[in-house]
């Protein structure tokens, strides 16, 4: 039960931080602090089954993105740790008792 709770908290916190980072990028782009050509953190991907929203992992793990501003510099390392924990906690909660 504790692993399921940890999974829920970690997933919610990671999603909230990712949404915050995406909104922060949009605000910096609109204020002119970032060029309009800066890639977005969330993008749309399409295939045979349809269109879905994806996370740009290479952008999230790039040094250039991490050095965008002070907020990003503090939050990106947290996301880099909490994002891979989601499948680990899911597997541990599924097989653990």
PDB file of N, CA and C in Angstrom:
ATOM      1  N   UNK A   1       0.813  -1.184   0.000  1.00  0.00           N
ATOM      2  CA  UNK A   1       0.000   0.000   0.000  1.00  0.00           C
ATOM      3  C   UNK A   1       0.865   1.260   0.000  1.00  0.00           C
ATOM      4  N   UNK A   2       1.972   1.215   0.738  1.00  0.00           N
ATOM      5  CA  UNK A   2       2.849   2.386   0.813  1.00  0.00           C
ATOM      6  C   UNK A   2       3.519   2.662  -0.535  1.00  0.00           C
ATOM      7  N   UNK A   3       3.831   1.595  -1.288  1.00  0.00           N
ATOM      8  CA  UNK A   3       4.447   1.800  -2.603  1.00  0.00           C
ATOM      9  C   UNK A   3       3.479   2.444  -3.585  1.00  0.00           C
ATOM     10  N   UNK A   4       2.190   2.075  -3.491  1.00  0.00           N
ATOM     11  CA  UNK A   4       1.201   2.701  -4.366  1.00  0.00           C
ATOM     12  C   UNK A   4       1.058   4.185  -4.034  1.00  0.00           C
ATOM     13  N   UNK A   5       1.094   4.517  -2.754  1.00  0.00           N
ATOM     14  CA  UNK A   5       1.014   5.916  -2.342  1.00  0.00           C
ATOM     15  C   UNK A   5       2.244   6.687  -2.815  1.00  0.00           C
ATOM     16  N   UNK A   6       3.417   6.073  -2.688  1.00  0.00           N
ATOM     17  CA  UNK A   6       4.640   6.726  -3.162  1.00  0.00           C
ATOM     18  C   UNK A   6       4.589   6.931  -4.672  1.00  0.00           C
ATOM     19  N   UNK A   7       4.051   5.958  -5.394  1.00  0.00           N
ATOM     20  CA  UNK A   7       3.910   6.084  -6.844  1.00  0.00           C
ATOM     21  C   UNK A   7       2.976   7.232  -7.195  1.00  0.00           C
ATOM     22  N   UNK A   8       1.858   7.331  -6.507  1.00  0.00           N
ATOM     23  CA  UNK A   8       0.891   8.395  -6.782  1.00  0.00           C
ATOM     24  C   UNK A   8       1.482   9.771  -6.492  1.00  0.00           C
ATOM     25  N   UNK A   9       2.157   9.901  -5.374  1.00  0.00           N
ATOM     26  CA  UNK A   9       2.757  11.193  -5.011  1.00  0.00           C
ATOM     27  C   UNK A   9       3.862  11.562  -5.980  1.00  0.00           C
ATOM     28  N   UNK A  10       4.724  10.613  -6.310  1.00  0.00           N
ATOM     29  CA  UNK A  10       5.820  10.881  -7.242  1.00  0.00           C
ATOM     30  C   UNK A  10       5.288  11.253  -8.624  1.00  0.00           C
ATOM     31  N   UNK A  11       4.288  10.540  -9.101  1.00  0.00           N
ATOM     32  CA  UNK A  11       3.727  10.825 -10.426  1.00  0.00           C
ATOM     33  C   UNK A  11       3.077  12.194 -10.467  1.00  0.00           C
ATOM     34  N   UNK A  12       2.304  12.525  -9.442  1.00  0.00           N
ATOM     35  CA  UNK A  12       1.635  13.828  -9.402  1.00  0.00           C
ATOM     36  C   UNK A  12       2.640  14.972  -9.307  1.00  0.00           C
ATOM     37  N   UNK A  13       3.667  14.803  -8.469  1.00  0.00           N
ATOM     38  CA  UNK A  13       4.678  15.850  -8.329  1.00  0.00           C
ATOM     39  C   UNK A  13       5.473  16.031  -9.618  1.00  0.00           C
ATOM     40  N   UNK A  14       5.831  14.930 -10.269  1.00  0.00           N
ATOM     41  CA  UNK A  14       6.582  15.008 -11.521  1.00  0.00           C
ATOM     42  C   UNK A  14       5.753  15.682 -12.609  1.00  0.00           C
ATOM     43  N   UNK A  15       4.496  15.311 -12.720  1.00  0.00           N
ATOM     44  CA  UNK A  15       3.624  15.925 -13.716  1.00  0.00           C
ATOM     45  C   UNK A  15       3.444  17.411 -13.447  1.00  0.00           C
ATOM     46  N   UNK A  16       3.265  17.785 -12.186  1.00  0.00           N
ATOM     47  CA  UNK A  16       3.118  19.204 -11.848  1.00  0.00           C
ATOM     48  C   UNK A  16       4.378  19.991 -12.201  1.00  0.00           C
ATOM     49  N   UNK A  17       5.550  19.432 -11.915  1.00  0.00           N
ATOM     50  CA  UNK A  17       6.806  20.116 -12.249  1.00  0.00           C
ATOM     51  C   UNK A  17       6.998  20.223 -13.759  1.00  0.00           C
ATOM     52  N   UNK A  18       6.631  19.194 -14.494  1.00  0.00           N
ATOM     53  CA  UNK A  18       6.749  19.250 -15.956  1.00  0.00           C
ATOM     54  C   UNK A  18       5.817  20.300 -16.553  1.00  0.00           C
ATOM     55  N   UNK A  19       4.602  20.379 -16.031  1.00  0.00           N
ATOM     56  CA  UNK A  19       3.670  21.405 -16.514  1.00  0.00           C
ATOM     57  C   UNK A  19       4.186  22.789 -16.167  1.00  0.00           C
ATOM     58  N   UNK A  20       4.724  22.959 -14.955  1.00  0.00           N
ATOM     59  CA  UNK A  20       5.302  24.241 -14.567  1.00  0.00           C
ATOM     60  C   UNK A  20       6.452  24.631 -15.502  1.00  0.00           C
ATOM     61  N   UNK A  21       7.334  23.690 -15.791  1.00  0.00           N
ATOM     62  CA  UNK A  21       8.461  23.988 -16.679  1.00  0.00           C
ATOM     63  C   UNK A  21       7.979  24.376 -18.076  1.00  0.00           C
ATOM     64  N   UNK A  22       6.947  23.703 -18.575  1.00  0.00           N
ATOM     65  CA  UNK A  22       6.417  24.037 -19.890  1.00  0.00           C
ATOM     66  C   UNK A  22       5.793  25.420 -19.885  1.00  0.00           C
ATOM     67  N   UNK A  23       5.025  25.737 -18.858  1.00  0.00           N
ATOM     68  CA  UNK A  23       4.436  27.081 -18.758  1.00  0.00           C
ATOM     69  C   UNK A  23       5.515  28.144 -18.596  1.00  0.00           C
ATOM     70  N   UNK A  24       6.566  27.820 -17.882  1.00  0.00           N
ATOM     71  CA  UNK A  24       7.686  28.763 -17.700  1.00  0.00           C
ATOM     72  C   UNK A  24       8.365  29.040 -19.046  1.00  0.00           C
ATOM     73  N   UNK A  25       8.569  28.004 -19.844  1.00  0.00           N
ATOM     74  CA  UNK A  25       9.151  28.196 -21.174  1.00  0.00           C
ATOM     75  C   UNK A  25       8.271  29.078 -22.048  1.00  0.00           C
ATOM     76  N   UNK A  26       6.964  28.847 -22.004  1.00  0.00           N
ATOM     77  CA  UNK A  26       6.056  29.664 -22.803  1.00  0.00           C
ATOM     78  C   UNK A  26       6.076  31.118 -22.356  1.00  0.00           C
ATOM     79  N   UNK A  27       6.122  31.352 -21.048  1.00  0.00           N
ATOM     80  CA  UNK A  27       6.171  32.724 -20.539  1.00  0.00           C
ATOM     81  C   UNK A  27       7.467  33.420 -20.951  1.00  0.00           C
ATOM     82  N   UNK A  28       8.590  32.709 -20.870  1.00  0.00           N
ATOM     83  CA  UNK A  28       9.868  33.296 -21.287  1.00  0.00           C
ATOM     84  C   UNK A  28       9.885  33.568 -22.786  1.00  0.00           C
ATOM     85  N   UNK A  29       9.256  32.701 -23.557  1.00  0.00           N
ATOM     86  CA  UNK A  29       9.186  32.892 -25.005  1.00  0.00           C
ATOM     87  C   UNK A  29       8.321  34.103 -25.341  1.00  0.00           C
ATOM     88  N   UNK A  30       7.199  34.273 -24.648  1.00  0.00           N
ATOM     89  CA  UNK A  30       6.304  35.394 -24.911  1.00  0.00           C
ATOM     90  C   UNK A  30       6.904  36.728 -24.464  1.00  0.00           C
ATOM     91  N   UNK A  31       7.701  36.717 -23.401  1.00  0.00           N
ATOM     92  CA  UNK A  31       8.310  37.959 -22.929  1.00  0.00           C
ATOM     93  C   UNK A  31       9.512  38.367 -23.770  1.00  0.00           C
ATOM     94  N   UNK A  32       9.966  37.482 -24.643  1.00  0.00           N
ATOM     95  CA  UNK A  32      11.104  37.797 -25.493  1.00  0.00           C
ATOM     96  C   UNK A  32      12.445  37.383 -24.925  1.00  0.00           C
ATOM     97  N   UNK A  33      12.450  36.758 -23.742  1.00  0.00           N
ATOM     98  CA  UNK A  33      13.702  36.306 -23.137  1.00  0.00           C
ATOM     99  C   UNK A  33      14.275  35.070 -23.816  1.00  0.00           C
ATOM    100  N   UNK A  34      13.419  34.324 -24.523  1.00  0.00           N
ATOM    101  CA  UNK A  34      13.858  33.172 -25.300  1.00  0.00           C
ATOM    102  C   UNK A  34      13.427  33.366 -26.738  1.00  0.00           C
ATOM    103  N   UNK A  35      14.210  32.899 -27.686  1.00  0.00           N
ATOM    104  CA  UNK A  35      13.775  33.013 -29.085  1.00  0.00           C
ATOM    105  C   UNK A  35      12.544  32.152 -29.360  1.00  0.00           C
ATOM    106  N   UNK A  36      11.768  32.564 -30.329  1.00  0.00           N
ATOM    107  CA  UNK A  36      10.553  31.826 -30.682  1.00  0.00           C
ATOM    108  C   UNK A  36      10.863  30.430 -31.201  1.00  0.00           C
ATOM    109  N   UNK A  37      12.083  30.210 -31.664  1.00  0.00           N
ATOM    110  CA  UNK A  37      12.461  28.905 -32.206  1.00  0.00           C
ATOM    111  C   UNK A  37      12.835  27.889 -31.123  1.00  0.00           C
ATOM    112  N   UNK A  38      12.776  28.281 -29.852  1.00  0.00           N
ATOM    113  CA  UNK A  38      13.087  27.357 -28.766  1.00  0.00           C
ATOM    114  C   UNK A  38      12.085  26.206 -28.772  1.00  0.00           C
ATOM    115  N   UNK A  39      12.551  24.957 -28.729  1.00  0.00           N
ATOM    116  CA  UNK A  39      11.620  23.825 -28.764  1.00  0.00           C
ATOM    117  C   UNK A  39      10.734  23.782 -27.522  1.00  0.00           C
ATOM    118  N   UNK A  40       9.561  23.192 -27.696  1.00  0.00           N
ATOM    119  CA  UNK A  40       8.632  23.037 -26.578  1.00  0.00           C
ATOM    120  C   UNK A  40       8.913  21.733 -25.852  1.00  0.00           C
ATOM    121  N   UNK A  41       8.614  21.738 -24.557  1.00  0.00           N
ATOM    122  CA  UNK A  41       8.836  20.548 -23.745  1.00  0.00           C
ATOM    123  C   UNK A  41       7.838  19.445 -24.095  1.00  0.00           C
ATOM    124  N   UNK A  42       6.587  19.829 -24.324  1.00  0.00           N
ATOM    125  CA  UNK A  42       5.564  18.885 -24.750  1.00  0.00           C
ATOM    126  C   UNK A  42       5.282  19.106 -26.228  1.00  0.00           C
ATOM    127  N   UNK A  43       5.145  18.038 -26.969  1.00  0.00           N
ATOM    128  CA  UNK A  43       4.855  18.151 -28.391  1.00  0.00           C
ATOM    129  C   UNK A  43       3.832  17.097 -28.791  1.00  0.00           C
ATOM    130  N   UNK A  44       3.388  17.199 -30.007  1.00  0.00           N
ATOM    131  CA  UNK A  44       2.429  16.232 -30.521  1.00  0.00           C
ATOM    132  C   UNK A  44       3.144  15.274 -31.457  1.00  0.00           C
ATOM    133  N   UNK A  45       2.795  14.021 -31.335  1.00  0.00           N
ATOM    134  CA  UNK A  45       3.376  12.985 -32.163  1.00  0.00           C
ATOM    135  C   UNK A  45       2.236  12.199 -32.790  1.00  0.00           C
ATOM    136  N   UNK A  46       2.417  11.801 -34.007  1.00  0.00           N
ATOM    137  CA  UNK A  46       1.347  11.074 -34.682  1.00  0.00           C
ATOM    138  C   UNK A  46       1.832   9.752 -35.230  1.00  0.00           C
ATOM    139  N   UNK A  47       0.899   8.893 -35.447  1.00  0.00           N
ATOM    140  CA  UNK A  47       1.201   7.584 -35.998  1.00  0.00           C
ATOM    141  C   UNK A  47      -0.050   6.972 -36.569  1.00  0.00           C
ATOM    142  N   UNK A  48       0.012   5.698 -36.818  1.00  0.00           N
ATOM    143  CA  UNK A  48      -1.130   4.982 -37.394  1.00  0.00           C
ATOM    144  C   UNK A  48      -2.341   5.005 -36.452  1.00  0.00           C
ATOM    145  N   UNK A  49      -2.079   4.929 -35.145  1.00  0.00           N
ATOM    146  CA  UNK A  49      -3.171   4.854 -34.168  1.00  0.00           C
ATOM    147  C   UNK A  49      -3.773   6.218 -33.855  1.00  0.00           C
ATOM    148  N   UNK A  50      -3.124   7.308 -34.242  1.00  0.00           N
ATOM    149  CA  UNK A  50      -3.667   8.636 -33.964  1.00  0.00           C
ATOM    150  C   UNK A  50      -2.594   9.607 -33.545  1.00  0.00           C
ATOM    151  N   UNK A  51      -3.031  10.657 -32.899  1.00  0.00           N
ATOM    152  CA  UNK A  51      -2.126  11.712 -32.454  1.00  0.00           C
ATOM    153  C   UNK A  51      -2.160  11.748 -30.931  1.00  0.00           C
ATOM    154  N   UNK A  52      -0.994  11.872 -30.309  1.00  0.00           N
ATOM    155  CA  UNK A  52      -0.929  11.945 -28.862  1.00  0.00           C
ATOM    156  C   UNK A  52       0.147  12.935 -28.468  1.00  0.00           C
ATOM    157  N   UNK A  53       0.125  13.335 -27.216  1.00  0.00           N
ATOM    158  CA  UNK A  53       1.092  14.303 -26.713  1.00  0.00           C
ATOM    159  C   UNK A  53       2.280  13.560 -26.117  1.00  0.00           C
ATOM    160  N   UNK A  54       3.477  14.044 -26.420  1.00  0.00           N
ATOM    161  CA  UNK A  54       4.689  13.393 -25.940  1.00  0.00           C
ATOM    162  C   UNK A  54       5.564  14.379 -25.193  1.00  0.00           C
ATOM    163  N   UNK A  55       6.505  13.863 -24.451  1.00  0.00           N
ATOM    164  CA  UNK A  55       7.469  14.648 -23.706  1.00  0.00           C
ATOM    165  C   UNK A  55       8.801  14.573 -24.437  1.00  0.00           C
ATOM    166  N   UNK A  56       9.420  15.720 -24.665  1.00  0.00           N
ATOM    167  CA  UNK A  56      10.692  15.774 -25.373  1.00  0.00           C
ATOM    168  C   UNK A  56      11.822  15.478 -24.375  1.00  0.00           C
ATOM    169  N   UNK A  57      12.154  14.203 -24.205  1.00  0.00           N
ATOM    170  CA  UNK A  57      13.186  13.807 -23.239  1.00  0.00           C
ATOM    171  C   UNK A  57      14.572  14.331 -23.588  1.00  0.00           C
ATOM    172  N   UNK A  58      15.003  14.307 -24.857  1.00  0.00           N
ATOM    173  CA  UNK A  58      16.328  14.879 -25.142  1.00  0.00           C
ATOM    174  C   UNK A  58      16.431  16.354 -24.758  1.00  0.00           C
ATOM    175  N   UNK A  59      15.344  17.111 -24.918  1.00  0.00           N
ATOM    176  CA  UNK A  59      15.362  18.513 -24.503  1.00  0.00           C
ATOM    177  C   UNK A  59      15.469  18.613 -22.992  1.00  0.00           C
ATOM    178  N   UNK A  60      14.718  17.783 -22.280  1.00  0.00           N
ATOM    179  CA  UNK A  60      14.730  17.827 -20.820  1.00  0.00           C
ATOM    180  C   UNK A  60      16.111  17.489 -20.263  1.00  0.00           C
ATOM    181  N   UNK A  61      16.835  16.594 -20.918  1.00  0.00           N
ATOM    182  CA  UNK A  61      18.149  16.179 -20.432  1.00  0.00           C
ATOM    183  C   UNK A  61      19.306  16.986 -21.012  1.00  0.00           C
ATOM    184  N   UNK A  62      19.000  17.998 -21.829  1.00  0.00           N
ATOM    185  CA  UNK A  62      20.091  18.777 -22.428  1.00  0.00           C
ATOM    186  C   UNK A  62      20.597  19.847 -21.461  1.00  0.00           C
ATOM    187  N   UNK A  63      21.866  20.145 -21.542  1.00  0.00           N
ATOM    188  CA  UNK A  63      22.476  21.171 -20.703  1.00  0.00           C
ATOM    189  C   UNK A  63      21.931  22.552 -21.068  1.00  0.00           C
ATOM    190  N   UNK A  64      21.700  22.782 -22.352  1.00  0.00           N
ATOM    191  CA  UNK A  64      21.190  24.081 -22.803  1.00  0.00           C
ATOM    192  C   UNK A  64      19.846  24.397 -22.155  1.00  0.00           C
ATOM    193  N   UNK A  65      18.970  23.420 -22.069  1.00  0.00           N
ATOM    194  CA  UNK A  65      17.659  23.640 -21.448  1.00  0.00           C
ATOM    195  C   UNK A  65      17.804  23.883 -19.953  1.00  0.00           C
ATOM    196  N   UNK A  66      18.667  23.132 -19.299  1.00  0.00           N
ATOM    197  CA  UNK A  66      18.844  23.286 -17.860  1.00  0.00           C
ATOM    198  C   UNK A  66      19.363  24.676 -17.503  1.00  0.00           C
ATOM    199  N   UNK A  67      20.155  25.277 -18.365  1.00  0.00           N
ATOM    200  CA  UNK A  67      20.740  26.582 -18.102  1.00  0.00           C
ATOM    201  C   UNK A  67      19.852  27.742 -18.548  1.00  0.00           C
ATOM    202  N   UNK A  68      18.567  27.496 -18.820  1.00  0.00           N
ATOM    203  CA  UNK A  68      17.669  28.541 -19.303  1.00  0.00           C
ATOM    204  C   UNK A  68      17.546  29.680 -18.300  1.00  0.00           C
ATOM    205  N   UNK A  69      17.205  29.381 -17.071  1.00  0.00           N
ATOM    206  CA  UNK A  69      17.117  30.397 -16.020  1.00  0.00           C
ATOM    207  C   UNK A  69      17.250  29.717 -14.661  1.00  0.00           C
ATOM    208  N   UNK A  70      17.166  30.512 -13.584  1.00  0.00           N
ATOM    209  CA  UNK A  70      17.390  29.971 -12.238  1.00  0.00           C
ATOM    210  C   UNK A  70      16.315  28.964 -11.834  1.00  0.00           C
ATOM    211  N   UNK A  71      15.047  29.224 -12.191  1.00  0.00           N
ATOM    212  CA  UNK A  71      13.979  28.279 -11.852  1.00  0.00           C
ATOM    213  C   UNK A  71      14.235  26.930 -12.507  1.00  0.00           C
ATOM    214  N   UNK A  72      14.539  26.969 -13.778  1.00  0.00           N
ATOM    215  CA  UNK A  72      14.773  25.731 -14.523  1.00  0.00           C
ATOM    216  C   UNK A  72      15.994  25.006 -13.974  1.00  0.00           C
ATOM    217  N   UNK A  73      17.015  25.752 -13.617  1.00  0.00           N
ATOM    218  CA  UNK A  73      18.242  25.153 -13.091  1.00  0.00           C
ATOM    219  C   UNK A  73      17.982  24.386 -11.799  1.00  0.00           C
ATOM    220  N   UNK A  74      17.013  24.840 -11.001  1.00  0.00           N
ATOM    221  CA  UNK A  74      16.708  24.159  -9.742  1.00  0.00           C
ATOM    222  C   UNK A  74      15.746  22.987  -9.923  1.00  0.00           C
ATOM    223  N   UNK A  75      14.817  23.093 -10.864  1.00  0.00           N
ATOM    224  CA  UNK A  75      13.749  22.103 -10.972  1.00  0.00           C
ATOM    225  C   UNK A  75      14.130  20.918 -11.861  1.00  0.00           C
ATOM    226  N   UNK A  76      14.892  21.151 -12.917  1.00  0.00           N
ATOM    227  CA  UNK A  76      15.219  20.074 -13.860  1.00  0.00           C
ATOM    228  C   UNK A  76      15.917  18.891 -13.185  1.00  0.00           C
ATOM    229  N   UNK A  77      16.872  19.088 -12.280  1.00  0.00           N
ATOM    230  CA  UNK A  77      17.463  17.900 -11.631  1.00  0.00           C
ATOM    231  C   UNK A  77      16.456  17.080 -10.827  1.00  0.00           C
ATOM    232  N   UNK A  78      15.462  17.736 -10.230  1.00  0.00           N
ATOM    233  CA  UNK A  78      14.431  17.005  -9.488  1.00  0.00           C
ATOM    234  C   UNK A  78      13.619  16.143 -10.445  1.00  0.00           C
ATOM    235  N   UNK A  79      13.252  16.712 -11.595  1.00  0.00           N
ATOM    236  CA  UNK A  79      12.476  15.964 -12.583  1.00  0.00           C
ATOM    237  C   UNK A  79      13.304  14.822 -13.160  1.00  0.00           C
ATOM    238  N   UNK A  80      14.595  15.057 -13.354  1.00  0.00           N
ATOM    239  CA  UNK A  80      15.464  14.010 -13.897  1.00  0.00           C
ATOM    240  C   UNK A  80      15.559  12.806 -12.982  1.00  0.00           C
ATOM    241  N   UNK A  81      15.368  13.009 -11.686  1.00  0.00           N
ATOM    242  CA  UNK A  81      15.392  11.893 -10.731  1.00  0.00           C
ATOM    243  C   UNK A  81      14.010  11.281 -10.582  1.00  0.00           C
ATOM    244  N   UNK A  82      12.983  12.122 -10.487  1.00  0.00           N
ATOM    245  CA  UNK A  82      11.643  11.602 -10.209  1.00  0.00           C
ATOM    246  C   UNK A  82      10.992  10.938 -11.423  1.00  0.00           C
ATOM    247  N   UNK A  83      11.332  11.357 -12.634  1.00  0.00           N
ATOM    248  CA  UNK A  83      10.730  10.763 -13.827  1.00  0.00           C
ATOM    249  C   UNK A  83      11.082   9.282 -13.987  1.00  0.00           C
ATOM    250  N   UNK A  84      12.350   8.867 -13.858  1.00  0.00           N
ATOM    251  CA  UNK A  84      12.658   7.432 -13.960  1.00  0.00           C
ATOM    252  C   UNK A  84      12.152   6.608 -12.768  1.00  0.00           C
ATOM    253  N   UNK A  85      11.821   7.265 -11.670  1.00  0.00           N
ATOM    254  CA  UNK A  85      11.310   6.526 -10.519  1.00  0.00           C
ATOM    255  C   UNK A  85       9.894   6.002 -10.745  1.00  0.00           C
ATOM    256  N   UNK A  86       9.139   6.609 -11.656  1.00  0.00           N
ATOM    257  CA  UNK A  86       7.754   6.197 -11.876  1.00  0.00           C
ATOM    258  C   UNK A  86       7.665   4.723 -12.292  1.00  0.00           C
ATOM    259  N   UNK A  87       8.380   4.268 -13.342  1.00  0.00           N
ATOM    260  CA  UNK A  87       8.271   2.838 -13.682  1.00  0.00           C
ATOM    261  C   UNK A  87       8.868   1.924 -12.612  1.00  0.00           C
ATOM    262  N   UNK A  88       9.894   2.387 -11.919  1.00  0.00           N
ATOM    263  CA  UNK A  88      10.491   1.565 -10.857  1.00  0.00           C
ATOM    264  C   UNK A  88       9.483   1.357  -9.726  1.00  0.00           C
ATOM    265  N   UNK A  89       8.826   2.439  -9.311  1.00  0.00           N
ATOM    266  CA  UNK A  89       7.827   2.314  -8.253  1.00  0.00           C
ATOM    267  C   UNK A  89       6.627   1.507  -8.706  1.00  0.00           C
ATOM    268  N   UNK A  90       6.259   1.643  -9.981  1.00  0.00           N
ATOM    269  CA  UNK A  90       5.141   0.870 -10.510  1.00  0.00           C
ATOM    270  C   UNK A  90       5.440  -0.626 -10.461  1.00  0.00           C
ATOM    271  N   UNK A  91       6.628  -1.007 -10.889  1.00  0.00           N
ATOM    272  CA  UNK A  91       7.015  -2.423 -10.836  1.00  0.00           C
ATOM    273  C   UNK A  91       7.115  -2.921  -9.392  1.00  0.00           C
ATOM    274  N   UNK A  92       7.689  -2.106  -8.523  1.00  0.00           N
ATOM    275  CA  UNK A  92       7.826  -2.525  -7.123  1.00  0.00           C
ATOM    276  C   UNK A  92       6.453  -2.677  -6.468  1.00  0.00           C
ATOM    277  N   UNK A  93       5.536  -1.763  -6.784  1.00  0.00           N
ATOM    278  CA  UNK A  93       4.194  -1.850  -6.191  1.00  0.00           C
ATOM    279  C   UNK A  93       3.407  -3.027  -6.768  1.00  0.00           C
ATOM    280  N   UNK A  94       3.638  -3.333  -8.034  1.00  0.00           N
ATOM    281  CA  UNK A  94       2.904  -4.440  -8.672  1.00  0.00           C
ATOM    282  C   UNK A  94       3.347  -5.801  -8.132  1.00  0.00           C
ATOM    283  N   UNK A  95       4.657  -5.966  -7.932  1.00  0.00           N
ATOM    284  CA  UNK A  95       5.168  -7.255  -7.501  1.00  0.00           C
ATOM    285  C   UNK A  95       5.393  -7.370  -6.015  1.00  0.00           C
ATOM    286  N   UNK A  96       5.386  -6.254  -5.312  1.00  0.00           N
ATOM    287  CA  UNK A  96       5.599  -6.273  -3.868  1.00  0.00           C
ATOM    288  C   UNK A  96       4.327  -6.584  -3.109  1.00  0.00           C
ATOM    289  N   UNK A  97       4.504  -6.931  -1.872  1.00  0.00           N
ATOM    290  CA  UNK A  97       3.326  -7.213  -1.041  1.00  0.00           C
ATOM    291  C   UNK A  97       3.304  -6.296   0.127  1.00  0.00           C
TER     292      UNK A  97
END
